[in-house]
Structure formats: C-alpha cells, structure tokens
Amino acid sequence: MTDFSVLDLVPVREGGTLGEAFDAVTMLAQAAEKAGCKRFWVAEHHAMAGIAGGATAVVLAHIGNATSTIRIGSGGIMLPNHTPFQIAEQFGTLDALFPGRIDLGLGRAPGAGPELQRALRKDLHRAAEMFPQDVVELMALMAGETAIHPTPGLGARPEFWMLGSSLFGAQLAAQLGLPYAFASHFAPDHLDGALELYRRDFQPSEACPAPHVMAAMNLFVADTEDEAEYLASSQLQAFVALRTGTPGKLPPPVRGYRASLPPQAQAMLAHIGQASAIGTPEQAARAVRAFVERTGADEIVFGGSMFDPAARCRALELAMDVLTD
C-alpha cells in the first residue's frame, strides 16, 4: 500500500505577510493530518522573499504544536549550511518535544551564491564535499558515539532520510541503509536511474532493513481540469521566474497562463512537470497511480504551492478521498 505525504515551502504570497504564510502552513498540516497523510515536510531555503521556511526546525516546532499524530520533518535540511552538532541539537529538541514523530531528511545542495555564503560564514562548496562525512557524524552524535554529547540530541531517534535529485544521493542512501526521497517534482531527469542504483546497491541497516523510496509529485486538484490548471499557474509562474533569475513572492493565478508563454517556456514547464497530477480528483488519482506503477515508490509526497491556502487544503482533501478509497 502506498503512503501519501505533503511537502511545503511555506510560500509567501504577493501582498501577503510572513504571519499569513505560517498560518497557511499550519492549516495545511492540519488538513494533511485529517486526510490521513503520513508525513508533513518543510524544505529549507534561504534569502528568498517568497519562501519562509529558512528556520526549518522552528517552523516544525510550530507545526508540531498544531498537530498531534502526523509525522513532521525536513524535506530537507541542507546540511552544508550547518554543522552536524547544530542539527543534532535542533532535531534532538524536536524529538524530545514530539517523540516518535520526527523525520530528518538531509540534502547536499547548498544552493547559495557568494552573498549567502558570506552571511552563513561557510564555504558551502567545500562543505558540500564533506556531506557524506557530516551525515555519518550527525548520526554518531545522536547515537552517543562521539566525544562530545549534544543536549538535546544524545539518544534522539528521528527517522533519517537521504534526499536527492541525482545519482549521488541515491548512492549514499544505499551505502548508509537509509530511506531515499527523490525530488522528481522539479528535477525529474535522473529519477529512474537513481532509483535503480539505490535499490541495486542498498545495504540493509537496523533502521531500514530494505530499500524504501519516496518520490515527489506536484498536485493541483479542483472540481474541473480548467480550475486545477488555473490554481497551478501560481507555481508555474514561480518556476518561470526562478529559471529566468527573477524569483519573488508567490503570484496570484492567471487563467490561460501556460498557453500565453513562448514555446521555449512551455517546453521548460512541461519538462519540469513530468511528475505532476493536475485535474479533477479522478484525473489526478490516475496520474498518481501511473507514477507509482512506473517508480514502484513506497510513498508519494505532494508539493504544489497555491495562492489560496484554502484551495490547496481542498485539493489535498479531494485527492486523498479518491486515492484512499
């Protein structure tokens, strides 16, 4: 049986406030819990006006207090931005506050230019090269296998995940015996190769005795296909803005947006959107099931920012009603 989860970037809308963004992520997490989703993840981004999840552990604490059963975690923490000790303390705290509910998804890509590197006081490219060692150190810190013991952190048992959009993360997840989540919702190119490599080379561990795959999809569901495409247009605009070097806050939806673009931009969106389910609940469910059949994924995590927070909650509810029927 396939499990379903939610990934959120804590988007900040044009004309909206940070407070509204945090209210929206809380409402979405509660809707996900009510709909029967297994996990709710927040992704770490920095210095982006349209994304408010930079202090990821703080946001997760807020979500944890607003929910009671759903697992919460990072999708993911970009470990090159931090020291393993800091993350051990942060997620050790979360594990103590919400025992048995914390996931710690780790990614390698720093995604930062010179300005952010200076702000973080990090050589992020060198830090990215140290990623495998830092993952092992972080796990050792929580297991009490280091000279210094983080408090909180020592003895914490979050569920570790390896994230990736290339073969590197798949190989490391296989070596360490970790569950693996692939960012197919925006980087679909290496999906099939990464999953094949991960399953082929997987080394069983106590925490994960067999390969376990999560794949990401964009989900936009409404009563009609046209309405779903309209709701999706906010994220489509954000993708185009990001790829053309002009990122900003999440824009309001535009009818017929995709058709208004030049062919090159349409092709770019079609390529990025290979792992997408857009349409009525039945259309979206067919797309999700076909994707599960293709990938053999044990779990699907749904992304897909919408300008109207209530519309995103309803989209999730409509999809889950059909998928879990």
Protein backbone atom coordinates (compact mmCIF):
# COMPACT_ATOMS: atom_id res chain seq x y z
CA MET A 1 0.00 0.00 0.00
CA THR A 2 1.32 3.41 -0.98
CA ASP A 3 1.57 6.12 1.69
CA PHE A 4 0.96 9.79 0.87
CA SER A 5 2.60 12.83 2.44
CA VAL A 6 2.93 16.59 1.91
CA LEU A 7 5.91 18.85 1.22
CA ASP A 8 5.55 22.59 1.76
CA LEU A 9 7.89 25.52 1.12
CA VAL A 10 5.91 27.90 3.37
CA PRO A 11 5.25 30.24 0.42
CA VAL A 12 4.81 33.96 0.98
CA ARG A 13 2.16 35.41 -1.33
CA GLU A 14 2.34 38.69 -3.19
CA GLY A 15 0.61 41.18 -0.91
CA GLY A 16 0.80 38.71 1.98
CA THR A 17 2.78 38.61 5.21
CA LEU A 18 5.06 36.12 6.92
CA GLY A 19 2.43 35.64 9.60
CA GLU A 20 -0.10 34.63 6.96
CA ALA A 21 2.42 32.18 5.49
CA PHE A 22 2.87 30.49 8.87
CA ASP A 23 -0.90 30.40 9.41
CA ALA A 24 -1.27 28.75 6.00
CA VAL A 25 1.35 26.06 6.64
CA THR A 26 -0.37 25.26 9.94
CA MET A 27 -3.75 24.93 8.22
CA LEU A 28 -2.25 22.69 5.53
CA ALA A 29 -0.55 20.44 8.09
CA GLN A 30 -3.83 20.05 9.96
CA ALA A 31 -5.62 19.23 6.70
CA ALA A 32 -2.95 16.66 5.85
CA GLU A 33 -3.32 15.02 9.24
CA LYS A 34 -7.11 14.91 8.91
CA ALA A 35 -6.87 13.47 5.38
CA GLY A 36 -4.68 10.60 6.57
CA CYS A 37 -1.30 11.69 5.22
CA LYS A 38 1.71 10.04 6.83
CA ARG A 39 4.17 12.95 6.92
CA PHE A 40 4.37 16.71 6.59
CA TRP A 41 7.74 18.05 5.48
CA VAL A 42 9.17 21.56 5.20
CA ALA A 43 12.09 22.41 2.91
CA GLU A 44 14.97 24.70 3.87
CA HIS A 45 15.58 27.73 1.62
CA HIS A 46 17.36 30.98 2.43
CA ALA A 47 17.24 34.61 1.33
CA MET A 48 14.20 34.10 -0.90
CA ALA A 49 11.38 36.59 -0.46
CA GLY A 50 8.75 34.03 -1.43
CA ILE A 51 9.79 31.19 0.90
CA ALA A 52 9.53 31.42 4.70
CA GLY A 53 10.90 28.03 5.77
CA GLY A 54 14.51 29.07 6.34
CA ALA A 55 14.44 28.42 10.10
CA THR A 56 13.16 24.93 9.40
CA ALA A 57 13.35 23.48 12.90
CA VAL A 58 11.45 26.47 14.31
CA VAL A 59 8.70 26.08 11.71
CA LEU A 60 8.46 22.36 12.52
CA ALA A 61 8.03 23.11 16.21
CA HIS A 62 5.16 25.43 15.31
CA ILE A 63 3.56 22.71 13.15
CA GLY A 64 4.13 20.06 15.80
CA ASN A 65 2.19 22.06 18.35
CA ALA A 66 -0.72 22.44 15.91
CA THR A 67 -0.95 18.71 15.10
CA SER A 68 -0.97 15.52 17.12
CA THR A 69 -0.33 12.38 15.06
CA ILE A 70 1.20 13.17 11.67
CA ARG A 71 4.98 12.78 11.32
CA ILE A 72 6.74 16.10 10.74
CA GLY A 73 10.18 16.73 9.36
CA SER A 74 12.60 18.30 6.95
CA GLY A 75 12.45 17.75 3.24
CA GLY A 76 15.11 18.72 3.75
CA ILE A 77 17.82 20.23 5.86
CA MET A 78 20.71 21.28 3.60
CA LEU A 79 23.48 20.01 5.83
CA PRO A 80 26.32 22.02 4.18
CA ASN A 81 24.65 25.14 5.59
CA HIS A 82 25.13 23.89 9.17
CA THR A 83 27.36 21.88 11.46
CA PRO A 84 26.22 18.36 12.38
CA PHE A 85 26.27 19.37 16.05
CA GLN A 86 23.79 22.21 15.48
CA ILE A 87 21.37 19.93 13.65
CA ALA A 88 21.74 17.27 16.36
CA GLU A 89 20.65 19.85 18.94
CA GLN A 90 17.78 21.19 16.83
CA PHE A 91 16.30 17.83 15.88
CA GLY A 92 17.11 16.39 19.29
CA THR A 93 14.90 19.14 20.68
CA LEU A 94 12.13 18.32 18.21
CA ASP A 95 12.40 14.63 19.01
CA ALA A 96 12.00 15.37 22.72
CA LEU A 97 9.02 17.65 22.09
CA PHE A 98 7.27 15.33 19.65
CA PRO A 99 8.61 11.81 20.32
CA GLY A 100 8.12 9.27 17.57
CA ARG A 101 7.02 11.90 15.06
CA ILE A 102 10.24 13.47 13.72
CA ASP A 103 11.84 12.89 10.31
CA LEU A 104 15.26 14.30 9.45
CA GLY A 105 15.68 14.47 5.69
CA LEU A 106 19.15 15.60 4.62
CA GLY A 107 20.28 17.17 1.36
CA ARG A 108 23.67 18.12 -0.04
CA ALA A 109 22.94 21.02 -2.40
CA PRO A 110 23.80 24.34 -0.72
CA GLY A 111 22.08 26.32 -3.49
CA ALA A 112 23.81 29.51 -2.46
CA GLY A 113 25.69 32.31 -4.15
CA PRO A 114 28.60 34.29 -2.71
CA GLU A 115 26.36 36.62 -0.66
CA LEU A 116 24.67 33.81 1.22
CA GLN A 117 27.98 32.03 1.76
CA ARG A 118 29.30 35.15 3.44
CA ALA A 119 26.12 35.51 5.52
CA LEU A 120 26.36 31.91 6.71
CA ARG A 121 30.14 32.19 7.27
CA LYS A 122 30.57 28.97 5.29
CA ASP A 123 32.50 27.76 2.27
CA LEU A 124 29.46 25.91 1.02
CA HIS A 125 31.14 24.18 -1.88
CA ARG A 126 33.78 22.71 0.42
CA ALA A 127 31.04 21.88 2.94
CA ALA A 128 29.14 20.02 0.21
CA GLU A 129 32.23 17.89 -0.40
CA MET A 130 32.15 16.94 3.29
CA PHE A 131 28.49 15.96 3.17
CA PRO A 132 28.90 12.16 3.50
CA GLN A 133 31.21 12.55 6.50
CA ASP A 134 28.88 15.10 8.07
CA VAL A 135 25.88 12.76 7.72
CA VAL A 136 27.80 9.98 9.48
CA GLU A 137 28.93 12.41 12.20
CA LEU A 138 25.38 13.63 12.78
CA MET A 139 24.13 10.09 13.23
CA ALA A 140 27.05 9.32 15.54
CA LEU A 141 26.31 12.40 17.68
CA MET A 142 22.77 11.23 18.34
CA ALA A 143 23.94 7.66 18.97
CA GLY A 144 26.48 8.74 21.60
CA GLU A 145 29.46 7.60 19.55
CA THR A 146 31.37 10.90 19.77
CA ALA A 147 33.48 12.54 22.47
CA ILE A 148 31.00 15.40 22.87
CA HIS A 149 27.33 14.73 23.53
CA PRO A 150 24.68 17.18 22.27
CA THR A 151 21.94 18.01 24.75
CA PRO A 152 19.29 17.80 23.43
CA GLY A 153 20.34 15.32 20.77
CA LEU A 154 22.01 12.44 22.58
CA GLY A 155 19.72 9.43 22.30
CA ALA A 156 17.32 11.15 19.91
CA ARG A 157 15.83 8.84 17.30
CA PRO A 158 14.47 10.84 14.39
CA GLU A 159 13.84 8.88 11.21
CA PHE A 160 16.77 9.73 8.94
CA TRP A 161 16.17 10.18 5.21
CA MET A 162 18.51 10.91 2.33
CA LEU A 163 17.19 13.38 -0.23
CA GLY A 164 18.42 13.79 -3.76
CA SER A 165 17.87 14.73 -7.38
CA SER A 166 20.90 12.90 -8.80
CA LEU A 167 22.76 9.62 -8.54
CA PHE A 168 24.95 10.91 -5.67
CA GLY A 169 22.20 10.91 -3.07
CA ALA A 170 20.95 7.53 -4.24
CA GLN A 171 24.40 6.00 -3.83
CA LEU A 172 24.90 7.48 -0.36
CA ALA A 173 21.44 6.40 0.79
CA ALA A 174 22.20 2.87 -0.39
CA GLN A 175 25.57 2.78 1.37
CA LEU A 176 24.16 4.04 4.68
CA GLY A 177 20.98 1.97 4.56
CA LEU A 178 18.64 4.96 4.64
CA PRO A 179 15.24 5.55 3.04
CA TYR A 180 15.57 7.71 -0.07
CA ALA A 181 13.40 10.59 -1.29
CA PHE A 182 13.80 11.85 -4.87
CA ALA A 183 12.92 15.44 -5.86
CA SER A 184 11.11 14.44 -9.05
CA HIS A 185 8.64 17.32 -8.66
CA PHE A 186 11.23 19.76 -10.02
CA ALA A 187 14.19 17.62 -11.19
CA PRO A 188 12.85 14.52 -12.95
CA ASP A 189 15.82 13.77 -15.22
CA HIS A 190 17.64 11.17 -13.11
CA LEU A 191 14.63 9.64 -11.37
CA ASP A 192 14.69 6.19 -12.95
CA GLY A 193 18.47 5.81 -12.84
CA ALA A 194 18.68 6.94 -9.23
CA LEU A 195 16.01 4.53 -8.05
CA GLU A 196 17.60 1.64 -9.93
CA LEU A 197 21.02 2.40 -8.41
CA TYR A 198 19.58 2.80 -4.91
CA ARG A 199 17.72 -0.50 -4.99
CA ARG A 200 20.62 -2.38 -6.57
CA ASP A 201 23.29 -1.20 -4.11
CA PHE A 202 21.21 -0.94 -0.94
CA GLN A 203 22.91 -2.13 2.26
CA PRO A 204 20.38 -3.09 4.96
CA SER A 205 20.53 -1.27 8.29
CA GLU A 206 18.79 -1.65 11.62
CA ALA A 207 16.60 1.37 10.91
CA CYS A 208 15.86 0.43 7.29
CA PRO A 209 16.19 -3.28 6.51
CA ALA A 210 15.03 -2.96 2.89
CA PRO A 211 15.07 -0.21 0.23
CA HIS A 212 12.36 2.39 0.82
CA VAL A 213 11.57 5.02 -1.81
CA MET A 214 9.63 8.25 -1.67
CA ALA A 215 9.06 10.21 -4.88
CA ALA A 216 7.74 13.77 -5.10
CA MET A 217 4.88 14.97 -7.28
CA ASN A 218 3.16 18.30 -7.86
CA LEU A 219 -0.54 18.08 -7.01
CA PHE A 220 -3.20 20.52 -8.22
CA VAL A 221 -6.77 19.29 -7.89
CA ALA A 222 -10.11 21.03 -8.30
CA ASP A 223 -13.65 20.25 -9.44
CA THR A 224 -12.69 20.85 -13.08
CA GLU A 225 -9.49 20.43 -15.08
CA ASP A 226 -9.53 24.12 -16.07
CA GLU A 227 -9.78 25.21 -12.44
CA ALA A 228 -6.91 22.91 -11.44
CA GLU A 229 -4.72 24.38 -14.20
CA TYR A 230 -5.68 27.86 -13.01
CA LEU A 231 -4.64 27.02 -9.43
CA ALA A 232 -1.37 25.55 -10.71
CA SER A 233 -0.49 28.76 -12.57
CA SER A 234 0.89 30.45 -9.44
CA GLN A 235 3.58 27.80 -9.11
CA LEU A 236 4.16 27.76 -12.86
CA GLN A 237 4.83 31.50 -12.74
CA ALA A 238 7.18 30.97 -9.80
CA PHE A 239 9.10 28.29 -11.74
CA VAL A 240 9.49 30.59 -14.74
CA ALA A 241 10.61 33.47 -12.53
CA LEU A 242 13.17 31.26 -10.78
CA ARG A 243 14.59 29.86 -14.00
CA THR A 244 14.87 33.35 -15.51
CA GLY A 245 16.65 34.79 -12.47
CA THR A 246 13.76 36.88 -11.12
CA PRO A 247 12.37 34.96 -8.12
CA GLY A 248 9.89 36.71 -5.87
CA LYS A 249 6.77 36.12 -3.83
CA LEU A 250 4.12 33.67 -4.98
CA PRO A 251 1.97 35.45 -7.59
CA PRO A 252 -1.80 35.17 -7.93
CA PRO A 253 -3.10 32.67 -10.50
CA VAL A 254 -3.66 33.64 -14.13
CA ARG A 255 -6.13 31.95 -16.46
CA GLY A 256 -4.53 30.56 -19.58
CA TYR A 257 -1.05 31.27 -18.27
CA ARG A 258 0.69 28.26 -19.77
CA ALA A 259 -0.75 28.94 -23.25
CA SER A 260 0.39 32.57 -23.07
CA LEU A 261 4.05 31.60 -22.83
CA PRO A 262 6.51 31.27 -25.72
CA PRO A 263 7.23 27.68 -26.85
CA GLN A 264 10.58 27.53 -25.03
CA ALA A 265 8.99 28.37 -21.68
CA GLN A 266 6.13 25.94 -22.31
CA ALA A 267 8.64 23.19 -23.02
CA MET A 268 10.53 24.01 -19.82
CA LEU A 269 7.35 23.75 -17.74
CA ALA A 270 6.37 20.51 -19.46
CA HIS A 271 9.78 19.06 -18.66
CA ILE A 272 9.72 20.13 -15.01
CA GLY A 273 6.13 18.98 -14.67
CA GLN A 274 6.64 15.37 -15.68
CA ALA A 275 5.85 14.32 -12.12
CA SER A 276 2.59 16.23 -11.79
CA ALA A 277 -1.07 15.44 -11.19
CA ILE A 278 -3.30 18.27 -12.43
CA GLY A 279 -7.05 17.97 -12.90
CA THR A 280 -10.16 16.58 -11.27
CA PRO A 281 -9.76 14.17 -8.37
CA GLU A 282 -10.19 11.20 -10.72
CA GLN A 283 -7.68 12.59 -13.26
CA ALA A 284 -5.14 13.33 -10.53
CA ALA A 285 -5.57 9.89 -8.98
CA ARG A 286 -4.92 8.22 -12.34
CA ALA A 287 -1.73 10.25 -12.76
CA VAL A 288 -0.56 9.38 -9.24
CA ARG A 289 -1.26 5.67 -9.68
CA ALA A 290 0.56 5.60 -13.02
CA PHE A 291 3.55 7.30 -11.41
CA VAL A 292 3.55 4.79 -8.55
CA GLU A 293 3.42 1.93 -11.06
CA ARG A 294 6.33 3.43 -13.01
CA THR A 295 8.57 4.09 -10.00
CA GLY A 296 7.50 1.41 -7.54
CA ALA A 297 7.56 4.14 -4.89
CA ASP A 298 6.59 3.15 -1.37
CA GLU A 299 5.48 6.71 -0.68
CA ILE A 300 4.47 9.78 -2.68
CA VAL A 301 4.99 13.27 -1.26
CA PHE A 302 2.85 16.04 -2.74
CA GLY A 303 4.16 19.53 -3.35
CA GLY A 304 2.44 22.32 -5.22
CA SER A 305 2.13 25.87 -3.91
CA MET A 306 -1.19 27.66 -4.44
CA PHE A 307 -2.01 31.31 -3.91
CA ASP A 308 -5.15 30.46 -1.94
CA PRO A 309 -4.25 28.34 1.12
CA ALA A 310 -7.81 27.05 1.41
CA ALA A 311 -7.71 25.85 -2.20
CA ARG A 312 -4.57 23.83 -1.51
CA CYS A 313 -6.14 22.20 1.53
CA ARG A 314 -9.21 21.34 -0.52
CA ALA A 315 -7.06 19.98 -3.37
CA LEU A 316 -5.34 17.64 -0.93
CA GLU A 317 -8.63 16.53 0.58
CA LEU A 318 -10.17 15.84 -2.84
CA ALA A 319 -7.16 13.82 -3.95
CA MET A 320 -6.89 11.81 -0.73
CA ASP A 321 -10.59 10.94 -0.82
CA VAL A 322 -10.06 9.18 -4.15
CA LEU A 323 -6.58 7.77 -3.51
CA THR A 324 -7.55 6.17 -0.21
CA ASP A 325 -10.99 4.97 -1.27
